Amino acid sequence: MSDLFIIGAGASVPYGFPCGEKLLEEIKSLESSAIELRREIYRKVLIYNSHHIVDGKIFKKILSDLNNSLMTSIDDFIRNKNSESYEYNIIIKRIIAAFILRYENNMKRGSNWIEYLLTSIDRRDNAFKKFFKSRFIIFNYDRVFEHKIFKYLISEKNRSKDMAMEIINKMNIFHLHGYLGHFDKLGFGEEQMENSIPENFETVWDSKNAYIKQIINKAKEYITFSERVFFLGFGYLEENMIKLGLTANTKILAKKKISGTAYKMSDYKIRDIESRLKLCGAMQPNIKDCEAVDLIKDFF
């Protein structure tokens, strides 16, 4: 059976990562943060490489713009600043990357949905093989999912680091909103960003970004050829549904088993989500007010 996992920001929250709203709040409060944090972020953001120091005036303007912004998501803030200078957008990305790397470095170590999923597929050889042929569309900048698989292959399957990295690079894992880049080039929770940010850090609002366009097409293709689709920590925002090709009367979900989380959403919202999925061809979508780990325990 061919599975597709559509993984939203909520799926990283159990590992200590912020949603887009909280991330924006933390960046906005940078100036009033503890001096150690300010120094850490400033150091990562301002030193582009050994030959280039980021313009401090632009940096201060960004902080001012952030504090004055009425947007509730960092993605929307970036969208509205596309007309700014190239360096302006570089610095925004480096600020986001500095925070994400910090969260990666301080990631919660307790078990959650990825550990339960890997434990389940590890118990059955056929499930193990199918899992590594599954498809994954991720809406997060972080690399938690890949990192966990990397650790699993090394610690449980005795693969070398090089072999584990090779396996992950061959998997069908794509970040639809862009991400920090492969952690064979930028280590998970890396202290120094060096030159790989922002060159390997792309966002959904990079309008000329060929990678993003490719992933949007891949997402639609993956949905078409999957038998089961799992939404984990996904918010079902209209713009994200459109990117996935989940628009009314497309029938792209016909004959597919659809399951998803809708943690702390109202009954009305859940019914609305199920109705929208039915318009895409889903017969009996199973959307539950639960966390990703609960859905994984139900199905794997």
C-alpha atoms as a PDB file:
ATOM      1  CA  MET A   1       0.000   0.000   0.000  1.00  0.00           C
ATOM      2  CA  SER A   2       1.352   3.405  -0.993  1.00  0.00           C
ATOM      3  CA  ASP A   3       1.254   5.971   1.834  1.00  0.00           C
ATOM      4  CA  LEU A   4       1.585   9.737   1.723  1.00  0.00           C
ATOM      5  CA  PHE A   5       2.290  11.716   4.898  1.00  0.00           C
ATOM      6  CA  ILE A   6       1.447  15.428   4.801  1.00  0.00           C
ATOM      7  CA  ILE A   7       3.224  16.896   7.811  1.00  0.00           C
ATOM      8  CA  GLY A   8       2.358  20.350   9.158  1.00  0.00           C
ATOM      9  CA  ALA A   9       3.924  22.628  11.751  1.00  0.00           C
ATOM     10  CA  GLY A  10       1.870  21.047  14.533  1.00  0.00           C
ATOM     11  CA  ALA A  11       3.809  17.798  14.099  1.00  0.00           C
ATOM     12  CA  SER A  12       7.028  19.472  15.298  1.00  0.00           C
ATOM     13  CA  VAL A  13       5.433  21.132  18.332  1.00  0.00           C
ATOM     14  CA  PRO A  14       5.727  17.984  20.551  1.00  0.00           C
ATOM     15  CA  TYR A  15       9.469  18.152  19.948  1.00  0.00           C
ATOM     16  CA  GLY A  16       9.646  21.688  21.331  1.00  0.00           C
ATOM     17  CA  PHE A  17       9.388  23.631  18.080  1.00  0.00           C
ATOM     18  CA  PRO A  18       7.173  26.704  17.669  1.00  0.00           C
ATOM     19  CA  CYS A  19       4.334  27.139  15.217  1.00  0.00           C
ATOM     20  CA  GLY A  20       4.677  30.070  12.775  1.00  0.00           C
ATOM     21  CA  GLU A  21       2.801  32.373  15.124  1.00  0.00           C
ATOM     22  CA  LYS A  22       4.998  31.644  18.129  1.00  0.00           C
ATOM     23  CA  LEU A  23       8.165  31.860  16.038  1.00  0.00           C
ATOM     24  CA  LEU A  24       7.205  35.353  14.925  1.00  0.00           C
ATOM     25  CA  GLU A  25       6.479  36.384  18.519  1.00  0.00           C
ATOM     26  CA  GLU A  26       9.899  35.171  19.652  1.00  0.00           C
ATOM     27  CA  ILE A  27      11.698  36.972  16.848  1.00  0.00           C
ATOM     28  CA  LYS A  28       9.772  40.166  17.622  1.00  0.00           C
ATOM     29  CA  SER A  29      10.843  39.961  21.257  1.00  0.00           C
ATOM     30  CA  LEU A  30      14.514  39.519  20.391  1.00  0.00           C
ATOM     31  CA  GLU A  31      15.512  42.987  21.627  1.00  0.00           C
ATOM     32  CA  SER A  32      14.040  42.328  25.061  1.00  0.00           C
ATOM     33  CA  SER A  33      15.437  38.777  25.342  1.00  0.00           C
ATOM     34  CA  ALA A  34      18.254  37.687  27.623  1.00  0.00           C
ATOM     35  CA  ILE A  35      21.598  39.115  26.535  1.00  0.00           C
ATOM     36  CA  GLU A  36      23.026  35.622  25.907  1.00  0.00           C
ATOM     37  CA  LEU A  37      20.298  34.878  23.357  1.00  0.00           C
ATOM     38  CA  ARG A  38      20.694  38.269  21.696  1.00  0.00           C
ATOM     39  CA  ARG A  39      24.430  37.743  21.320  1.00  0.00           C
ATOM     40  CA  GLU A  40      23.917  34.238  19.938  1.00  0.00           C
ATOM     41  CA  ILE A  41      21.384  35.344  17.307  1.00  0.00           C
ATOM     42  CA  TYR A  42      23.327  38.486  16.400  1.00  0.00           C
ATOM     43  CA  ARG A  43      26.508  36.468  15.901  1.00  0.00           C
ATOM     44  CA  LYS A  44      24.814  33.947  13.624  1.00  0.00           C
ATOM     45  CA  VAL A  45      22.918  36.545  11.633  1.00  0.00           C
ATOM     46  CA  LEU A  46      25.450  39.340  11.255  1.00  0.00           C
ATOM     47  CA  ILE A  47      28.497  37.324  10.233  1.00  0.00           C
ATOM     48  CA  TYR A  48      27.557  36.166   6.745  1.00  0.00           C
ATOM     49  CA  ASN A  49      30.996  34.675   6.166  1.00  0.00           C
ATOM     50  CA  SER A  50      34.597  35.618   6.853  1.00  0.00           C
ATOM     51  CA  HIS A  51      34.533  38.144   3.995  1.00  0.00           C
ATOM     52  CA  HIS A  52      31.128  39.741   4.448  1.00  0.00           C
ATOM     53  CA  ILE A  53      29.484  41.401   7.429  1.00  0.00           C
ATOM     54  CA  VAL A  54      25.738  41.977   7.159  1.00  0.00           C
ATOM     55  CA  ASP A  55      24.686  45.631   7.112  1.00  0.00           C
ATOM     56  CA  GLY A  56      23.696  46.492  10.678  1.00  0.00           C
ATOM     57  CA  LYS A  57      21.366  49.261   9.475  1.00  0.00           C
ATOM     58  CA  ILE A  58      19.316  46.812   7.449  1.00  0.00           C
ATOM     59  CA  PHE A  59      19.267  44.457  10.407  1.00  0.00           C
ATOM     60  CA  LYS A  60      17.866  47.202  12.664  1.00  0.00           C
ATOM     61  CA  LYS A  61      15.273  48.107  10.014  1.00  0.00           C
ATOM     62  CA  ILE A  62      14.089  44.499   9.897  1.00  0.00           C
ATOM     63  CA  LEU A  63      13.699  44.394  13.676  1.00  0.00           C
ATOM     64  CA  SER A  64      11.713  47.644  13.487  1.00  0.00           C
ATOM     65  CA  ASP A  65       9.539  46.275  10.663  1.00  0.00           C
ATOM     66  CA  LEU A  66       8.931  43.091  12.630  1.00  0.00           C
ATOM     67  CA  ASN A  67       7.870  45.012  15.730  1.00  0.00           C
ATOM     68  CA  ASN A  68       5.463  47.119  13.666  1.00  0.00           C
ATOM     69  CA  SER A  69       4.049  44.206  11.693  1.00  0.00           C
ATOM     70  CA  LEU A  70       0.446  43.112  12.262  1.00  0.00           C
ATOM     71  CA  MET A  71       0.975  39.722  10.634  1.00  0.00           C
ATOM     72  CA  THR A  72       0.543  36.667  12.839  1.00  0.00           C
ATOM     73  CA  SER A  73       2.934  34.421  10.896  1.00  0.00           C
ATOM     74  CA  ILE A  74       6.567  34.812   9.879  1.00  0.00           C
ATOM     75  CA  ASP A  75       5.639  33.427   6.446  1.00  0.00           C
ATOM     76  CA  ASP A  76       3.183  36.254   5.871  1.00  0.00           C
ATOM     77  CA  PHE A  77       5.737  38.818   7.017  1.00  0.00           C
ATOM     78  CA  ILE A  78       8.186  37.471   4.415  1.00  0.00           C
ATOM     79  CA  ARG A  79       5.486  37.527   1.741  1.00  0.00           C
ATOM     80  CA  ASN A  80       4.919  41.237   2.292  1.00  0.00           C
ATOM     81  CA  LYS A  81       8.653  42.007   2.112  1.00  0.00           C
ATOM     82  CA  ASN A  82       9.425  40.396  -1.242  1.00  0.00           C
ATOM     83  CA  SER A  83       9.944  43.828  -2.817  1.00  0.00           C
ATOM     84  CA  GLU A  84      12.704  44.723  -0.355  1.00  0.00           C
ATOM     85  CA  SER A  85      16.399  44.413  -1.227  1.00  0.00           C
ATOM     86  CA  TYR A  86      18.132  41.077  -1.711  1.00  0.00           C
ATOM     87  CA  GLU A  87      20.176  41.606   1.453  1.00  0.00           C
ATOM     88  CA  TYR A  88      17.031  42.486   3.430  1.00  0.00           C
ATOM     89  CA  ASN A  89      15.557  39.090   2.528  1.00  0.00           C
ATOM     90  CA  ILE A  90      18.847  37.342   3.222  1.00  0.00           C
ATOM     91  CA  ILE A  91      18.877  38.718   6.771  1.00  0.00           C
ATOM     92  CA  ILE A  92      15.260  37.688   7.424  1.00  0.00           C
ATOM     93  CA  LYS A  93      16.116  34.142   6.396  1.00  0.00           C
ATOM     94  CA  ARG A  94      19.219  34.127   8.559  1.00  0.00           C
ATOM     95  CA  ILE A  95      17.189  35.295  11.571  1.00  0.00           C
ATOM     96  CA  ILE A  96      14.646  32.497  11.044  1.00  0.00           C
ATOM     97  CA  ALA A  97      17.407  29.962  10.456  1.00  0.00           C
ATOM     98  CA  ALA A  98      19.211  31.000  13.644  1.00  0.00           C
ATOM     99  CA  PHE A  99      16.066  30.365  15.686  1.00  0.00           C
ATOM    100  CA  ILE A 100      15.277  27.048  13.958  1.00  0.00           C
ATOM    101  CA  LEU A 101      18.834  25.799  14.468  1.00  0.00           C
ATOM    102  CA  ARG A 102      18.570  26.782  18.122  1.00  0.00           C
ATOM    103  CA  TYR A 103      15.361  24.753  18.439  1.00  0.00           C
ATOM    104  CA  GLU A 104      16.990  21.820  16.685  1.00  0.00           C
ATOM    105  CA  ASN A 105      19.882  21.961  19.144  1.00  0.00           C
ATOM    106  CA  ASN A 106      17.473  22.054  22.112  1.00  0.00           C
ATOM    107  CA  MET A 107      14.958  19.554  20.734  1.00  0.00           C
ATOM    108  CA  LYS A 108      12.936  17.583  23.277  1.00  0.00           C
ATOM    109  CA  ARG A 109      14.289  14.050  23.560  1.00  0.00           C
ATOM    110  CA  GLY A 110      11.134  12.228  24.703  1.00  0.00           C
ATOM    111  CA  SER A 111       9.239   9.803  22.468  1.00  0.00           C
ATOM    112  CA  ASN A 112       6.442  11.070  20.273  1.00  0.00           C
ATOM    113  CA  TRP A 113       4.828  10.259  16.953  1.00  0.00           C
ATOM    114  CA  ILE A 114       8.001   9.681  14.918  1.00  0.00           C
ATOM    115  CA  GLU A 115       9.363   7.243  17.492  1.00  0.00           C
ATOM    116  CA  TYR A 116       6.044   5.352  17.582  1.00  0.00           C
ATOM    117  CA  LEU A 117       5.925   5.246  13.785  1.00  0.00           C
ATOM    118  CA  LEU A 118       9.489   3.935  13.521  1.00  0.00           C
ATOM    119  CA  THR A 119       8.888   1.367  16.267  1.00  0.00           C
ATOM    120  CA  SER A 120       5.800   0.113  14.454  1.00  0.00           C
ATOM    121  CA  ILE A 121       7.457  -0.257  11.057  1.00  0.00           C
ATOM    122  CA  ASP A 122      10.532  -1.800  12.693  1.00  0.00           C
ATOM    123  CA  ARG A 123       8.423  -4.714  13.982  1.00  0.00           C
ATOM    124  CA  ARG A 124       7.380  -5.866  10.496  1.00  0.00           C
ATOM    125  CA  ASP A 125       9.806  -6.323   7.637  1.00  0.00           C
ATOM    126  CA  ASN A 126       7.179  -5.599   4.981  1.00  0.00           C
ATOM    127  CA  ALA A 127       6.176  -2.384   6.768  1.00  0.00           C
ATOM    128  CA  PHE A 128       9.824  -1.333   6.980  1.00  0.00           C
ATOM    129  CA  LYS A 129      10.287  -1.694   3.227  1.00  0.00           C
ATOM    130  CA  LYS A 130       7.037   0.122   2.424  1.00  0.00           C
ATOM    131  CA  PHE A 131       7.862   2.975   4.782  1.00  0.00           C
ATOM    132  CA  PHE A 132      11.069   3.833   2.944  1.00  0.00           C
ATOM    133  CA  LYS A 133       9.101   3.884  -0.313  1.00  0.00           C
ATOM    134  CA  SER A 134       6.415   6.141   1.158  1.00  0.00           C
ATOM    135  CA  ARG A 135       6.116   9.813   0.301  1.00  0.00           C
ATOM    136  CA  PHE A 136       6.414  12.751   2.677  1.00  0.00           C
ATOM    137  CA  ILE A 137       5.371  16.363   2.061  1.00  0.00           C
ATOM    138  CA  ILE A 138       6.538  18.569   4.939  1.00  0.00           C
ATOM    139  CA  PHE A 139       5.448  22.160   5.625  1.00  0.00           C
ATOM    140  CA  ASN A 140       8.171  22.850   8.193  1.00  0.00           C
ATOM    141  CA  TYR A 141      11.594  24.500   7.891  1.00  0.00           C
ATOM    142  CA  ASP A 142      13.118  22.164  10.493  1.00  0.00           C
ATOM    143  CA  ARG A 143      14.659  18.739   9.805  1.00  0.00           C
ATOM    144  CA  VAL A 144      13.294  16.819  12.821  1.00  0.00           C
ATOM    145  CA  PHE A 145      11.744  14.073  10.700  1.00  0.00           C
ATOM    146  CA  GLU A 146      14.931  13.348   8.749  1.00  0.00           C
ATOM    147  CA  HIS A 147      17.058  13.601  11.904  1.00  0.00           C
ATOM    148  CA  LYS A 148      14.969  10.988  13.698  1.00  0.00           C
ATOM    149  CA  ILE A 149      15.186   8.579  10.759  1.00  0.00           C
ATOM    150  CA  PHE A 150      18.941   9.192  10.579  1.00  0.00           C
ATOM    151  CA  LYS A 151      19.330   8.310  14.275  1.00  0.00           C
ATOM    152  CA  TYR A 152      17.094   5.257  13.852  1.00  0.00           C
ATOM    153  CA  LEU A 153      19.148   3.865  10.965  1.00  0.00           C
ATOM    154  CA  ILE A 154      22.379   4.283  12.939  1.00  0.00           C
ATOM    155  CA  SER A 155      21.260   3.129  16.387  1.00  0.00           C
ATOM    156  CA  GLU A 156      18.711   0.431  15.475  1.00  0.00           C
ATOM    157  CA  LYS A 157      19.847  -0.785  12.056  1.00  0.00           C
ATOM    158  CA  ASN A 158      23.614  -0.407  12.522  1.00  0.00           C
ATOM    159  CA  ARG A 159      24.046   1.617   9.361  1.00  0.00           C
ATOM    160  CA  SER A 160      27.071   3.836   9.046  1.00  0.00           C
ATOM    161  CA  LYS A 161      26.486   7.588   9.034  1.00  0.00           C
ATOM    162  CA  ASP A 162      27.302   7.760   5.328  1.00  0.00           C
ATOM    163  CA  MET A 163      24.923   4.918   4.497  1.00  0.00           C
ATOM    164  CA  ALA A 164      22.143   6.386   6.654  1.00  0.00           C
ATOM    165  CA  MET A 165      22.542   9.733   4.915  1.00  0.00           C
ATOM    166  CA  GLU A 166      22.453   8.045   1.521  1.00  0.00           C
ATOM    167  CA  ILE A 167      19.200   6.248   2.409  1.00  0.00           C
ATOM    168  CA  ILE A 168      17.565   9.484   3.583  1.00  0.00           C
ATOM    169  CA  ASN A 169      18.672  11.363   0.475  1.00  0.00           C
ATOM    170  CA  LYS A 170      16.964   8.709  -1.659  1.00  0.00           C
ATOM    171  CA  MET A 171      13.684   8.923   0.262  1.00  0.00           C
ATOM    172  CA  ASN A 172      10.723  10.847  -1.143  1.00  0.00           C
ATOM    173  CA  ILE A 173      10.893  13.665   1.426  1.00  0.00           C
ATOM    174  CA  PHE A 174      10.121  17.196   0.292  1.00  0.00           C
ATOM    175  CA  HIS A 175       9.637  20.427   2.232  1.00  0.00           C
ATOM    176  CA  LEU A 176       6.944  22.333   0.374  1.00  0.00           C
ATOM    177  CA  HIS A 177       7.569  25.648   2.172  1.00  0.00           C
ATOM    178  CA  GLY A 178      11.318  25.302   1.920  1.00  0.00           C
ATOM    179  CA  TYR A 179      13.741  24.430   4.720  1.00  0.00           C
ATOM    180  CA  LEU A 180      17.266  24.932   6.004  1.00  0.00           C
ATOM    181  CA  GLY A 181      18.828  22.381   3.659  1.00  0.00           C
ATOM    182  CA  HIS A 182      20.222  18.858   3.887  1.00  0.00           C
ATOM    183  CA  PHE A 183      21.945  18.320   7.211  1.00  0.00           C
ATOM    184  CA  ASP A 184      24.850  16.602   5.488  1.00  0.00           C
ATOM    185  CA  LYS A 185      25.666  20.189   4.438  1.00  0.00           C
ATOM    186  CA  LEU A 186      24.264  22.064   7.437  1.00  0.00           C
ATOM    187  CA  GLY A 187      24.372  19.922  10.566  1.00  0.00           C
ATOM    188  CA  PHE A 188      21.268  19.421  12.705  1.00  0.00           C
ATOM    189  CA  GLY A 189      21.330  22.157  15.343  1.00  0.00           C
ATOM    190  CA  GLU A 190      24.575  23.529  13.880  1.00  0.00           C
ATOM    191  CA  GLU A 191      26.180  26.335  15.898  1.00  0.00           C
ATOM    192  CA  GLN A 192      27.562  28.160  12.867  1.00  0.00           C
ATOM    193  CA  MET A 193      25.570  28.708   9.660  1.00  0.00           C
ATOM    194  CA  GLU A 194      28.621  29.450   7.505  1.00  0.00           C
ATOM    195  CA  ASN A 195      27.690  30.068   3.856  1.00  0.00           C
ATOM    196  CA  SER A 196      24.840  27.576   3.515  1.00  0.00           C
ATOM    197  CA  ILE A 197      22.268  30.103   4.725  1.00  0.00           C
ATOM    198  CA  PRO A 198      20.412  31.481   2.882  1.00  0.00           C
ATOM    199  CA  GLU A 199      21.684  29.768  -0.268  1.00  0.00           C
ATOM    200  CA  ASN A 200      20.068  26.476   0.785  1.00  0.00           C
ATOM    201  CA  PHE A 201      17.202  28.088   2.709  1.00  0.00           C
ATOM    202  CA  GLU A 202      14.242  28.705   0.434  1.00  0.00           C
ATOM    203  CA  THR A 203      10.753  29.822   1.372  1.00  0.00           C
ATOM    204  CA  VAL A 204       7.409  29.352  -0.313  1.00  0.00           C
ATOM    205  CA  TRP A 205       7.373  33.063  -1.181  1.00  0.00           C
ATOM    206  CA  ASP A 206      10.480  32.864  -3.357  1.00  0.00           C
ATOM    207  CA  SER A 207       8.390  33.318  -6.498  1.00  0.00           C
ATOM    208  CA  LYS A 208      11.144  32.347  -8.922  1.00  0.00           C
ATOM    209  CA  ASN A 209      12.217  29.362  -6.879  1.00  0.00           C
ATOM    210  CA  ALA A 210      12.328  26.304  -9.154  1.00  0.00           C
ATOM    211  CA  TYR A 211      12.608  23.954  -6.162  1.00  0.00           C
ATOM    212  CA  ILE A 212       9.321  25.160  -4.662  1.00  0.00           C
ATOM    213  CA  LYS A 213       7.507  24.902  -8.000  1.00  0.00           C
ATOM    214  CA  GLN A 214       8.831  21.370  -8.432  1.00  0.00           C
ATOM    215  CA  ILE A 215       7.626  20.353  -4.975  1.00  0.00           C
ATOM    216  CA  ILE A 216       4.134  21.741  -5.535  1.00  0.00           C
ATOM    217  CA  ASN A 217       3.878  19.617  -8.684  1.00  0.00           C
ATOM    218  CA  LYS A 218       5.310  16.633  -6.812  1.00  0.00           C
ATOM    219  CA  ALA A 219       2.742  17.051  -4.041  1.00  0.00           C
ATOM    220  CA  LYS A 220      -0.144  16.777  -6.491  1.00  0.00           C
ATOM    221  CA  GLU A 221       1.500  13.793  -8.163  1.00  0.00           C
ATOM    222  CA  TYR A 222       2.058  12.072  -4.812  1.00  0.00           C
ATOM    223  CA  ILE A 223      -1.558  12.509  -3.781  1.00  0.00           C
ATOM    224  CA  THR A 224      -2.756  11.108  -7.099  1.00  0.00           C
ATOM    225  CA  PHE A 225      -0.717   7.915  -6.777  1.00  0.00           C
ATOM    226  CA  SER A 226      -1.153   7.244  -3.046  1.00  0.00           C
ATOM    227  CA  GLU A 227      -3.693   4.878  -1.541  1.00  0.00           C
ATOM    228  CA  ARG A 228      -3.584   6.267   1.989  1.00  0.00           C
ATOM    229  CA  VAL A 229      -3.056   9.909   2.942  1.00  0.00           C
ATOM    230  CA  PHE A 230      -2.236  10.975   6.503  1.00  0.00           C
ATOM    231  CA  PHE A 231      -2.421  14.617   7.616  1.00  0.00           C
ATOM    232  CA  LEU A 232      -0.284  15.087  10.735  1.00  0.00           C
ATOM    233  CA  GLY A 233      -0.223  18.431  12.550  1.00  0.00           C
ATOM    234  CA  PHE A 234      -1.689  20.060   9.447  1.00  0.00           C
ATOM    235  CA  GLY A 235      -3.785  23.232   9.744  1.00  0.00           C
ATOM    236  CA  TYR A 236      -5.869  22.802   6.540  1.00  0.00           C
ATOM    237  CA  LEU A 237      -5.387  26.460   5.578  1.00  0.00           C
ATOM    238  CA  GLU A 238      -7.002  27.268   2.259  1.00  0.00           C
ATOM    239  CA  GLU A 239      -3.765  28.399   0.581  1.00  0.00           C
ATOM    240  CA  ASN A 240      -2.008  25.193   1.609  1.00  0.00           C
ATOM    241  CA  MET A 241      -4.912  23.051   0.403  1.00  0.00           C
ATOM    242  CA  ILE A 242      -4.701  24.807  -2.973  1.00  0.00           C
ATOM    243  CA  LYS A 243      -0.944  24.149  -3.195  1.00  0.00           C
ATOM    244  CA  LEU A 244      -1.662  20.455  -2.695  1.00  0.00           C
ATOM    245  CA  GLY A 245      -4.275  20.491  -5.444  1.00  0.00           C
ATOM    246  CA  LEU A 246      -7.076  19.904  -2.926  1.00  0.00           C
ATOM    247  CA  THR A 247      -9.668  22.150  -4.514  1.00  0.00           C
ATOM    248  CA  ALA A 248     -13.401  21.568  -4.936  1.00  0.00           C
ATOM    249  CA  ASN A 249     -14.463  18.939  -7.471  1.00  0.00           C
ATOM    250  CA  THR A 250     -10.937  17.870  -8.417  1.00  0.00           C
ATOM    251  CA  LYS A 251     -11.733  14.347  -7.157  1.00  0.00           C
ATOM    252  CA  ILE A 252      -8.009  13.914  -6.500  1.00  0.00           C
ATOM    253  CA  LEU A 253      -8.824  11.999  -3.286  1.00  0.00           C
ATOM    254  CA  ALA A 254     -11.203   9.492  -4.910  1.00  0.00           C
ATOM    255  CA  LYS A 255     -10.770   5.897  -3.665  1.00  0.00           C
ATOM    256  CA  LYS A 256      -8.190   6.955  -1.092  1.00  0.00           C
ATOM    257  CA  LYS A 257      -8.243   6.394   2.650  1.00  0.00           C
ATOM    258  CA  ILE A 258      -7.904   9.785   4.323  1.00  0.00           C
ATOM    259  CA  SER A 259      -6.993  10.244   7.980  1.00  0.00           C
ATOM    260  CA  GLY A 260      -5.826  13.346   9.775  1.00  0.00           C
ATOM    261  CA  THR A 261      -5.381  15.211  13.034  1.00  0.00           C
ATOM    262  CA  ALA A 262      -7.318  18.333  13.986  1.00  0.00           C
ATOM    263  CA  TYR A 263      -5.931  18.908  17.464  1.00  0.00           C
ATOM    264  CA  LYS A 264      -8.082  21.234  19.598  1.00  0.00           C
ATOM    265  CA  MET A 265     -10.241  22.202  16.615  1.00  0.00           C
ATOM    266  CA  SER A 266     -13.982  22.599  17.122  1.00  0.00           C
ATOM    267  CA  ASP A 267     -16.514  20.032  15.909  1.00  0.00           C
ATOM    268  CA  TYR A 268     -17.726  22.624  13.405  1.00  0.00           C
ATOM    269  CA  LYS A 269     -14.189  23.072  12.030  1.00  0.00           C
ATOM    270  CA  ILE A 270     -13.670  19.306  11.761  1.00  0.00           C
ATOM    271  CA  ARG A 271     -16.951  18.876   9.862  1.00  0.00           C
ATOM    272  CA  ASP A 272     -15.926  21.711   7.561  1.00  0.00           C
ATOM    273  CA  ILE A 273     -12.552  20.054   6.863  1.00  0.00           C
ATOM    274  CA  GLU A 274     -14.228  16.727   6.130  1.00  0.00           C
ATOM    275  CA  SER A 275     -16.711  18.436   3.805  1.00  0.00           C
ATOM    276  CA  ARG A 276     -13.889  20.084   1.871  1.00  0.00           C
ATOM    277  CA  LEU A 277     -12.072  16.756   1.550  1.00  0.00           C
ATOM    278  CA  LYS A 278     -15.267  15.114   0.288  1.00  0.00           C
ATOM    279  CA  LEU A 279     -15.477  17.745  -2.449  1.00  0.00           C
ATOM    280  CA  CYS A 280     -12.039  16.484  -3.501  1.00  0.00           C
ATOM    281  CA  GLY A 281     -13.411  12.946  -3.846  1.00  0.00           C
ATOM    282  CA  ALA A 282     -12.781  11.492  -0.368  1.00  0.00           C
ATOM    283  CA  MET A 283     -15.620   9.149   0.618  1.00  0.00           C
ATOM    284  CA  GLN A 284     -15.257   8.927   4.395  1.00  0.00           C
ATOM    285  CA  PRO A 285     -12.369  11.123   5.592  1.00  0.00           C
ATOM    286  CA  ASN A 286     -11.418  10.417   9.189  1.00  0.00           C
ATOM    287  CA  ILE A 287     -10.384  13.715  10.782  1.00  0.00           C
ATOM    288  CA  LYS A 288      -9.961  13.516  14.556  1.00  0.00           C
ATOM    289  CA  ASP A 289      -9.369  15.953  17.392  1.00  0.00           C
ATOM    290  CA  CYS A 290      -6.134  14.274  18.438  1.00  0.00           C
ATOM    291  CA  GLU A 291      -2.370  14.672  18.305  1.00  0.00           C
ATOM    292  CA  ALA A 292      -0.164  13.044  15.679  1.00  0.00           C
ATOM    293  CA  VAL A 293       1.008  10.358  18.091  1.00  0.00           C
ATOM    294  CA  ASP A 294      -2.604   9.217  18.671  1.00  0.00           C
ATOM    295  CA  LEU A 295      -3.255   8.845  14.948  1.00  0.00           C
ATOM    296  CA  ILE A 296      -0.034   6.888  14.459  1.00  0.00           C
ATOM    297  CA  LYS A 297      -0.990   4.512  17.294  1.00  0.00           C
ATOM    298  CA  ASP A 298      -4.377   3.932  15.618  1.00  0.00           C
ATOM    299  CA  PHE A 299      -3.027   3.052  12.190  1.00  0.00           C
ATOM    300  CA  PHE A 300       0.445   1.559  12.603  1.00  0.00           C
END
